[in-house]
């Protein structure tokens, strides 16, 4: 069985909130920096060959019929959202 092929992340410039434990990576297509939340980091650990793509680039790659799933359980994603803080616009 083939593993996931891409992790879709938000560009740092577009983030309104940031998780204290997120890391910054680059989109594999356009090289814009993106934020990777802990659930995404866990998926990348399990699937190190998975591409990281920003939502802008991914929107052009995702095709009808592609299977799309979240990187974590709903409860985990809600917890990460609640732990996040407003993004600095310095």
PDB file of N, CA and C in Angstrom:
ATOM      1  N   UNK A   1       0.839  -1.190   0.000  1.00  0.00           N
ATOM      2  CA  UNK A   1       0.000   0.000   0.000  1.00  0.00           C
ATOM      3  C   UNK A   1       0.884   1.254   0.000  1.00  0.00           C
ATOM      4  N   UNK A   2       0.565   2.162  -0.858  1.00  0.00           N
ATOM      5  CA  UNK A   2       1.323   3.403  -0.997  1.00  0.00           C
ATOM      6  C   UNK A   2       0.941   4.377   0.121  1.00  0.00           C
ATOM      7  N   UNK A   3       1.921   5.058   0.703  1.00  0.00           N
ATOM      8  CA  UNK A   3       1.673   6.038   1.751  1.00  0.00           C
ATOM      9  C   UNK A   3       1.216   7.361   1.167  1.00  0.00           C
ATOM     10  N   UNK A   4       0.952   8.334   2.034  1.00  0.00           N
ATOM     11  CA  UNK A   4       0.537   9.659   1.558  1.00  0.00           C
ATOM     12  C   UNK A   4       1.629  10.294   0.708  1.00  0.00           C
ATOM     13  N   UNK A   5       1.225  11.093  -0.268  1.00  0.00           N
ATOM     14  CA  UNK A   5       2.210  11.677  -1.174  1.00  0.00           C
ATOM     15  C   UNK A   5       2.525  13.141  -0.887  1.00  0.00           C
ATOM     16  N   UNK A   6       1.612  13.864  -0.195  1.00  0.00           N
ATOM     17  CA  UNK A   6       1.918  15.263   0.099  1.00  0.00           C
ATOM     18  C   UNK A   6       1.259  15.695   1.395  1.00  0.00           C
ATOM     19  N   UNK A   7       1.942  16.600   2.080  1.00  0.00           N
ATOM     20  CA  UNK A   7       1.397  17.260   3.253  1.00  0.00           C
ATOM     21  C   UNK A   7       1.156  18.708   2.843  1.00  0.00           C
ATOM     22  N   UNK A   8      -0.085  19.131   2.918  1.00  0.00           N
ATOM     23  CA  UNK A   8      -0.445  20.493   2.523  1.00  0.00           C
ATOM     24  C   UNK A   8      -0.373  21.395   3.758  1.00  0.00           C
ATOM     25  N   UNK A   9       0.393  22.471   3.645  1.00  0.00           N
ATOM     26  CA  UNK A   9       0.613  23.391   4.764  1.00  0.00           C
ATOM     27  C   UNK A   9       0.326  24.823   4.326  1.00  0.00           C
ATOM     28  N   UNK A  10       0.099  25.674   5.300  1.00  0.00           N
ATOM     29  CA  UNK A  10      -0.155  27.085   5.035  1.00  0.00           C
ATOM     30  C   UNK A  10       1.172  27.842   4.957  1.00  0.00           C
ATOM     31  N   UNK A  11       1.253  28.729   3.983  1.00  0.00           N
ATOM     32  CA  UNK A  11       2.436  29.592   3.893  1.00  0.00           C
ATOM     33  C   UNK A  11       2.526  30.456   5.147  1.00  0.00           C
ATOM     34  N   UNK A  12       3.743  30.655   5.652  1.00  0.00           N
ATOM     35  CA  UNK A  12       3.918  31.492   6.842  1.00  0.00           C
ATOM     36  C   UNK A  12       3.294  32.872   6.648  1.00  0.00           C
ATOM     37  N   UNK A  13       3.434  33.437   5.468  1.00  0.00           N
ATOM     38  CA  UNK A  13       2.898  34.772   5.194  1.00  0.00           C
ATOM     39  C   UNK A  13       1.377  34.813   5.275  1.00  0.00           C
ATOM     40  N   UNK A  14       0.720  33.663   5.142  1.00  0.00           N
ATOM     41  CA  UNK A  14      -0.745  33.605   5.160  1.00  0.00           C
ATOM     42  C   UNK A  14      -1.305  33.143   6.506  1.00  0.00           C
ATOM     43  N   UNK A  15      -0.429  32.768   7.434  1.00  0.00           N
ATOM     44  CA  UNK A  15      -0.897  32.243   8.721  1.00  0.00           C
ATOM     45  C   UNK A  15      -1.424  33.379   9.598  1.00  0.00           C
ATOM     46  N   UNK A  16      -2.605  33.152  10.176  1.00  0.00           N
ATOM     47  CA  UNK A  16      -3.159  34.117  11.125  1.00  0.00           C
ATOM     48  C   UNK A  16      -2.846  33.703  12.555  1.00  0.00           C
ATOM     49  N   UNK A  17      -2.611  32.407  12.771  1.00  0.00           N
ATOM     50  CA  UNK A  17      -2.181  31.890  14.074  1.00  0.00           C
ATOM     51  C   UNK A  17      -1.039  30.918  13.850  1.00  0.00           C
ATOM     52  N   UNK A  18      -0.205  30.750  14.883  1.00  0.00           N
ATOM     53  CA  UNK A  18       0.932  29.832  14.812  1.00  0.00           C
ATOM     54  C   UNK A  18       0.970  29.002  16.080  1.00  0.00           C
ATOM     55  N   UNK A  19       1.318  27.731  15.926  1.00  0.00           N
ATOM     56  CA  UNK A  19       1.445  26.846  17.081  1.00  0.00           C
ATOM     57  C   UNK A  19       2.843  27.012  17.662  1.00  0.00           C
ATOM     58  N   UNK A  20       2.976  27.022  19.001  1.00  0.00           N
ATOM     59  CA  UNK A  20       4.304  27.201  19.597  1.00  0.00           C
ATOM     60  C   UNK A  20       5.312  26.115  19.216  1.00  0.00           C
ATOM     61  N   UNK A  21       4.820  24.929  18.845  1.00  0.00           N
ATOM     62  CA  UNK A  21       5.728  23.823  18.493  1.00  0.00           C
ATOM     63  C   UNK A  21       5.817  23.573  16.990  1.00  0.00           C
ATOM     64  N   UNK A  22       5.280  24.484  16.187  1.00  0.00           N
ATOM     65  CA  UNK A  22       5.379  24.270  14.744  1.00  0.00           C
ATOM     66  C   UNK A  22       6.809  24.493  14.288  1.00  0.00           C
ATOM     67  N   UNK A  23       7.124  23.922  13.128  1.00  0.00           N
ATOM     68  CA  UNK A  23       8.427  24.138  12.508  1.00  0.00           C
ATOM     69  C   UNK A  23       8.208  24.760  11.145  1.00  0.00           C
ATOM     70  N   UNK A  24       9.238  25.370  10.636  1.00  0.00           N
ATOM     71  CA  UNK A  24       9.175  25.982   9.314  1.00  0.00           C
ATOM     72  C   UNK A  24       9.879  25.054   8.316  1.00  0.00           C
ATOM     73  N   UNK A  25       9.216  24.793   7.211  1.00  0.00           N
ATOM     74  CA  UNK A  25       9.787  24.030   6.098  1.00  0.00           C
ATOM     75  C   UNK A  25       9.549  24.829   4.831  1.00  0.00           C
ATOM     76  N   UNK A  26      10.031  24.325   3.713  1.00  0.00           N
ATOM     77  CA  UNK A  26       9.813  24.993   2.425  1.00  0.00           C
ATOM     78  C   UNK A  26       8.895  24.155   1.556  1.00  0.00           C
ATOM     79  N   UNK A  27       8.019  24.821   0.816  1.00  0.00           N
ATOM     80  CA  UNK A  27       7.190  24.127  -0.165  1.00  0.00           C
ATOM     81  C   UNK A  27       8.116  23.486  -1.194  1.00  0.00           C
ATOM     82  N   UNK A  28       7.872  22.219  -1.489  1.00  0.00           N
ATOM     83  CA  UNK A  28       8.743  21.499  -2.426  1.00  0.00           C
ATOM     84  C   UNK A  28       8.611  22.021  -3.852  1.00  0.00           C
ATOM     85  N   UNK A  29       7.582  22.803  -4.120  1.00  0.00           N
ATOM     86  CA  UNK A  29       7.380  23.304  -5.473  1.00  0.00           C
ATOM     87  C   UNK A  29       7.837  24.753  -5.634  1.00  0.00           C
ATOM     88  N   UNK A  30       7.342  25.665  -4.770  1.00  0.00           N
ATOM     89  CA  UNK A  30       7.649  27.091  -4.950  1.00  0.00           C
ATOM     90  C   UNK A  30       8.683  27.628  -3.966  1.00  0.00           C
ATOM     91  N   UNK A  31       9.045  26.833  -2.967  1.00  0.00           N
ATOM     92  CA  UNK A  31      10.035  27.199  -1.962  1.00  0.00           C
ATOM     93  C   UNK A  31       9.580  28.274  -0.975  1.00  0.00           C
ATOM     94  N   UNK A  32       8.284  28.625  -0.954  1.00  0.00           N
ATOM     95  CA  UNK A  32       7.790  29.535   0.084  1.00  0.00           C
ATOM     96  C   UNK A  32       7.873  28.819   1.426  1.00  0.00           C
ATOM     97  N   UNK A  33       8.218  29.524   2.500  1.00  0.00           N
ATOM     98  CA  UNK A  33       8.216  28.891   3.818  1.00  0.00           C
ATOM     99  C   UNK A  33       6.783  28.602   4.276  1.00  0.00           C
ATOM    100  N   UNK A  34       6.597  27.438   4.878  1.00  0.00           N
ATOM    101  CA  UNK A  34       5.297  27.022   5.395  1.00  0.00           C
ATOM    102  C   UNK A  34       5.445  26.597   6.850  1.00  0.00           C
ATOM    103  N   UNK A  35       4.346  26.657   7.588  1.00  0.00           N
ATOM    104  CA  UNK A  35       4.328  26.196   8.968  1.00  0.00           C
ATOM    105  C   UNK A  35       3.826  24.766   9.038  1.00  0.00           C
ATOM    106  N   UNK A  36       4.533  23.918   9.767  1.00  0.00           N
ATOM    107  CA  UNK A  36       4.133  22.518   9.930  1.00  0.00           C
ATOM    108  C   UNK A  36       3.794  22.297  11.405  1.00  0.00           C
ATOM    109  N   UNK A  37       2.528  22.085  11.675  1.00  0.00           N
ATOM    110  CA  UNK A  37       2.045  21.848  13.035  1.00  0.00           C
ATOM    111  C   UNK A  37       2.505  20.470  13.512  1.00  0.00           C
ATOM    112  N   UNK A  38       2.422  20.203  14.817  1.00  0.00           N
ATOM    113  CA  UNK A  38       2.869  18.909  15.349  1.00  0.00           C
ATOM    114  C   UNK A  38       2.233  17.690  14.677  1.00  0.00           C
ATOM    115  N   UNK A  39       0.947  17.742  14.338  1.00  0.00           N
ATOM    116  CA  UNK A  39       0.339  16.584  13.668  1.00  0.00           C
ATOM    117  C   UNK A  39       0.998  16.336  12.317  1.00  0.00           C
ATOM    118  N   UNK A  40       1.315  17.399  11.597  1.00  0.00           N
ATOM    119  CA  UNK A  40       2.009  17.255  10.320  1.00  0.00           C
ATOM    120  C   UNK A  40       3.416  16.734  10.496  1.00  0.00           C
ATOM    121  N   UNK A  41       4.087  17.175  11.557  1.00  0.00           N
ATOM    122  CA  UNK A  41       5.439  16.681  11.843  1.00  0.00           C
ATOM    123  C   UNK A  41       5.417  15.177  12.104  1.00  0.00           C
ATOM    124  N   UNK A  42       4.390  14.726  12.814  1.00  0.00           N
ATOM    125  CA  UNK A  42       4.268  13.293  13.106  1.00  0.00           C
ATOM    126  C   UNK A  42       4.090  12.488  11.813  1.00  0.00           C
ATOM    127  N   UNK A  43       3.278  12.994  10.897  1.00  0.00           N
ATOM    128  CA  UNK A  43       3.073  12.309   9.620  1.00  0.00           C
ATOM    129  C   UNK A  43       4.376  12.279   8.819  1.00  0.00           C
ATOM    130  N   UNK A  44       5.124  13.386   8.835  1.00  0.00           N
ATOM    131  CA  UNK A  44       6.404  13.427   8.113  1.00  0.00           C
ATOM    132  C   UNK A  44       7.406  12.436   8.694  1.00  0.00           C
ATOM    133  N   UNK A  45       7.362  12.216  10.000  1.00  0.00           N
ATOM    134  CA  UNK A  45       8.247  11.233  10.629  1.00  0.00           C
ATOM    135  C   UNK A  45       7.914   9.827  10.136  1.00  0.00           C
ATOM    136  N   UNK A  46       6.622   9.538  10.000  1.00  0.00           N
ATOM    137  CA  UNK A  46       6.190   8.221   9.517  1.00  0.00           C
ATOM    138  C   UNK A  46       6.435   8.052   8.022  1.00  0.00           C
ATOM    139  N   UNK A  47       6.395   9.152   7.275  1.00  0.00           N
ATOM    140  CA  UNK A  47       6.533   9.118   5.813  1.00  0.00           C
ATOM    141  C   UNK A  47       7.539  10.180   5.371  1.00  0.00           C
ATOM    142  N   UNK A  48       8.828   9.950   5.620  1.00  0.00           N
ATOM    143  CA  UNK A  48       9.836  10.985   5.352  1.00  0.00           C
ATOM    144  C   UNK A  48       9.989  11.373   3.879  1.00  0.00           C
ATOM    145  N   UNK A  49       9.500  10.561   2.958  1.00  0.00           N
ATOM    146  CA  UNK A  49       9.613  10.900   1.534  1.00  0.00           C
ATOM    147  C   UNK A  49       8.428  11.734   1.028  1.00  0.00           C
ATOM    148  N   UNK A  50       7.492  12.019   1.907  1.00  0.00           N
ATOM    149  CA  UNK A  50       6.310  12.771   1.509  1.00  0.00           C
ATOM    150  C   UNK A  50       6.701  14.206   1.157  1.00  0.00           C
ATOM    151  N   UNK A  51       6.110  14.738   0.090  1.00  0.00           N
ATOM    152  CA  UNK A  51       6.351  16.123  -0.314  1.00  0.00           C
ATOM    153  C   UNK A  51       5.597  17.056   0.623  1.00  0.00           C
ATOM    154  N   UNK A  52       6.211  18.193   0.920  1.00  0.00           N
ATOM    155  CA  UNK A  52       5.546  19.270   1.631  1.00  0.00           C
ATOM    156  C   UNK A  52       5.163  20.295   0.581  1.00  0.00           C
ATOM    157  N   UNK A  53       3.889  20.677   0.566  1.00  0.00           N
ATOM    158  CA  UNK A  53       3.436  21.666  -0.412  1.00  0.00           C
ATOM    159  C   UNK A  53       2.599  22.725   0.271  1.00  0.00           C
ATOM    160  N   UNK A  54       2.764  23.968  -0.168  1.00  0.00           N
ATOM    161  CA  UNK A  54       1.907  25.033   0.341  1.00  0.00           C
ATOM    162  C   UNK A  54       0.517  24.853  -0.271  1.00  0.00           C
ATOM    163  N   UNK A  55      -0.464  25.436   0.381  1.00  0.00           N
ATOM    164  CA  UNK A  55      -1.843  25.270  -0.086  1.00  0.00           C
ATOM    165  C   UNK A  55      -2.051  25.858  -1.482  1.00  0.00           C
ATOM    166  N   UNK A  56      -1.290  26.888  -1.831  1.00  0.00           N
ATOM    167  CA  UNK A  56      -1.415  27.502  -3.160  1.00  0.00           C
ATOM    168  C   UNK A  56      -0.984  26.510  -4.247  1.00  0.00           C
ATOM    169  N   UNK A  57       0.174  25.901  -4.083  1.00  0.00           N
ATOM    170  CA  UNK A  57       0.662  24.933  -5.068  1.00  0.00           C
ATOM    171  C   UNK A  57      -0.173  23.658  -5.066  1.00  0.00           C
ATOM    172  N   UNK A  58      -0.560  23.214  -3.881  1.00  0.00           N
ATOM    173  CA  UNK A  58      -1.330  21.979  -3.781  1.00  0.00           C
ATOM    174  C   UNK A  58      -2.684  22.097  -4.461  1.00  0.00           C
ATOM    175  N   UNK A  59      -3.267  23.284  -4.433  1.00  0.00           N
ATOM    176  CA  UNK A  59      -4.592  23.447  -5.045  1.00  0.00           C
ATOM    177  C   UNK A  59      -4.557  23.141  -6.540  1.00  0.00           C
ATOM    178  N   UNK A  60      -3.408  23.322  -7.171  1.00  0.00           N
ATOM    179  CA  UNK A  60      -3.271  22.989  -8.585  1.00  0.00           C
ATOM    180  C   UNK A  60      -2.924  21.532  -8.837  1.00  0.00           C
ATOM    181  N   UNK A  61      -2.427  20.828  -7.809  1.00  0.00           N
ATOM    182  CA  UNK A  61      -2.018  19.423  -7.949  1.00  0.00           C
ATOM    183  C   UNK A  61      -3.114  18.434  -7.578  1.00  0.00           C
ATOM    184  N   UNK A  62      -4.014  18.829  -6.688  1.00  0.00           N
ATOM    185  CA  UNK A  62      -5.061  17.915  -6.229  1.00  0.00           C
ATOM    186  C   UNK A  62      -6.101  17.761  -7.329  1.00  0.00           C
ATOM    187  N   UNK A  63      -6.388  16.516  -7.649  1.00  0.00           N
ATOM    188  CA  UNK A  63      -7.301  16.191  -8.738  1.00  0.00           C
ATOM    189  C   UNK A  63      -8.591  15.574  -8.190  1.00  0.00           C
ATOM    190  N   UNK A  64      -9.695  15.699  -8.940  1.00  0.00           N
ATOM    191  CA  UNK A  64     -10.928  15.023  -8.524  1.00  0.00           C
ATOM    192  C   UNK A  64     -10.651  13.530  -8.352  1.00  0.00           C
ATOM    193  N   UNK A  65     -11.144  12.969  -7.278  1.00  0.00           N
ATOM    194  CA  UNK A  65     -10.928  11.554  -7.009  1.00  0.00           C
ATOM    195  C   UNK A  65      -9.737  11.268  -6.116  1.00  0.00           C
ATOM    196  N   UNK A  66      -8.863  12.264  -5.883  1.00  0.00           N
ATOM    197  CA  UNK A  66      -7.745  12.080  -4.961  1.00  0.00           C
ATOM    198  C   UNK A  66      -8.294  11.912  -3.552  1.00  0.00           C
ATOM    199  N   UNK A  67      -7.672  11.027  -2.791  1.00  0.00           N
ATOM    200  CA  UNK A  67      -8.069  10.831  -1.401  1.00  0.00           C
ATOM    201  C   UNK A  67      -7.400  11.910  -0.555  1.00  0.00           C
ATOM    202  N   UNK A  68      -8.199  12.612   0.231  1.00  0.00           N
ATOM    203  CA  UNK A  68      -7.699  13.696   1.069  1.00  0.00           C
ATOM    204  C   UNK A  68      -8.070  13.376   2.513  1.00  0.00           C
ATOM    205  N   UNK A  69      -7.085  13.505   3.406  1.00  0.00           N
ATOM    206  CA  UNK A  69      -7.355  13.273   4.827  1.00  0.00           C
ATOM    207  C   UNK A  69      -6.533  14.233   5.664  1.00  0.00           C
ATOM    208  N   UNK A  70      -6.976  14.452   6.890  1.00  0.00           N
ATOM    209  CA  UNK A  70      -6.240  15.344   7.783  1.00  0.00           C
ATOM    210  C   UNK A  70      -5.044  14.603   8.370  1.00  0.00           C
ATOM    211  N   UNK A  71      -4.089  15.357   8.860  1.00  0.00           N
ATOM    212  CA  UNK A  71      -2.873  14.773   9.424  1.00  0.00           C
ATOM    213  C   UNK A  71      -3.100  14.224  10.826  1.00  0.00           C
ATOM    214  N   UNK A  72      -4.203  14.598  11.449  1.00  0.00           N
ATOM    215  CA  UNK A  72      -4.484  14.134  12.804  1.00  0.00           C
ATOM    216  C   UNK A  72      -5.974  13.979  13.030  1.00  0.00           C
ATOM    217  N   UNK A  73      -6.307  13.485  14.190  1.00  0.00           N
ATOM    218  CA  UNK A  73      -7.701  13.359  14.584  1.00  0.00           C
ATOM    219  C   UNK A  73      -8.294  14.748  14.816  1.00  0.00           C
ATOM    220  N   UNK A  74      -9.601  14.867  14.688  1.00  0.00           N
ATOM    221  CA  UNK A  74     -10.265  16.153  14.895  1.00  0.00           C
ATOM    222  C   UNK A  74      -9.896  16.736  16.258  1.00  0.00           C
ATOM    223  N   UNK A  75      -9.872  15.887  17.282  1.00  0.00           N
ATOM    224  CA  UNK A  75      -9.536  16.360  18.629  1.00  0.00           C
ATOM    225  C   UNK A  75      -8.127  16.946  18.693  1.00  0.00           C
ATOM    226  N   UNK A  76      -7.183  16.322  17.983  1.00  0.00           N
ATOM    227  CA  UNK A  76      -5.805  16.821  17.959  1.00  0.00           C
ATOM    228  C   UNK A  76      -5.732  18.169  17.253  1.00  0.00           C
ATOM    229  N   UNK A  77      -6.445  18.292  16.165  1.00  0.00           N
ATOM    230  CA  UNK A  77      -6.420  19.531  15.385  1.00  0.00           C
ATOM    231  C   UNK A  77      -7.061  20.666  16.173  1.00  0.00           C
ATOM    232  N   UNK A  78      -8.172  20.383  16.867  1.00  0.00           N
ATOM    233  CA  UNK A  78      -8.808  21.394  17.713  1.00  0.00           C
ATOM    234  C   UNK A  78      -7.866  21.804  18.843  1.00  0.00           C
ATOM    235  N   UNK A  79      -7.180  20.847  19.444  1.00  0.00           N
ATOM    236  CA  UNK A  79      -6.219  21.143  20.523  1.00  0.00           C
ATOM    237  C   UNK A  79      -5.098  22.044  19.996  1.00  0.00           C
ATOM    238  N   UNK A  80      -4.552  21.725  18.814  1.00  0.00           N
ATOM    239  CA  UNK A  80      -3.494  22.552  18.231  1.00  0.00           C
ATOM    240  C   UNK A  80      -4.007  23.963  17.953  1.00  0.00           C
ATOM    241  N   UNK A  81      -5.209  24.060  17.449  1.00  0.00           N
ATOM    242  CA  UNK A  81      -5.797  25.385  17.167  1.00  0.00           C
ATOM    243  C   UNK A  81      -5.928  26.191  18.462  1.00  0.00           C
ATOM    244  N   UNK A  82      -6.394  25.523  19.529  1.00  0.00           N
ATOM    245  CA  UNK A  82      -6.564  26.203  20.816  1.00  0.00           C
ATOM    246  C   UNK A  82      -5.229  26.610  21.439  1.00  0.00           C
ATOM    247  N   UNK A  83      -4.169  25.874  21.148  1.00  0.00           N
ATOM    248  CA  UNK A  83      -2.842  26.189  21.674  1.00  0.00           C
ATOM    249  C   UNK A  83      -2.117  27.260  20.847  1.00  0.00           C
ATOM    250  N   UNK A  84      -2.659  27.576  19.689  1.00  0.00           N
ATOM    251  CA  UNK A  84      -2.009  28.518  18.786  1.00  0.00           C
ATOM    252  C   UNK A  84      -2.225  29.957  19.250  1.00  0.00           C
ATOM    253  N   UNK A  85      -1.308  30.810  18.820  1.00  0.00           N
ATOM    254  CA  UNK A  85      -1.349  32.224  19.182  1.00  0.00           C
ATOM    255  C   UNK A  85      -1.341  33.061  17.914  1.00  0.00           C
ATOM    256  N   UNK A  86      -1.813  34.297  17.981  1.00  0.00           N
ATOM    257  CA  UNK A  86      -1.811  35.149  16.782  1.00  0.00           C
ATOM    258  C   UNK A  86      -0.409  35.233  16.162  1.00  0.00           C
ATOM    259  N   UNK A  87      -0.375  35.176  14.860  1.00  0.00           N
ATOM    260  CA  UNK A  87       0.894  35.284  14.141  1.00  0.00           C
ATOM    261  C   UNK A  87       1.395  36.724  14.204  1.00  0.00           C
ATOM    262  N   UNK A  88       2.677  36.872  14.457  1.00  0.00           N
ATOM    263  CA  UNK A  88       3.271  38.211  14.482  1.00  0.00           C
ATOM    264  C   UNK A  88       3.417  38.753  13.075  1.00  0.00           C
ATOM    265  N   UNK A  89       3.130  39.960  12.917  1.00  0.00           N
ATOM    266  CA  UNK A  89       3.281  40.617  11.609  1.00  0.00           C
ATOM    267  C   UNK A  89       4.317  41.727  11.743  1.00  0.00           C
ATOM    268  N   UNK A  90       5.593  41.290  11.940  1.00  0.00           N
ATOM    269  CA  UNK A  90       6.633  42.273  12.198  1.00  0.00           C
ATOM    270  C   UNK A  90       7.216  42.829  11.038  1.00  0.00           C
TER     271      UNK A  90
END
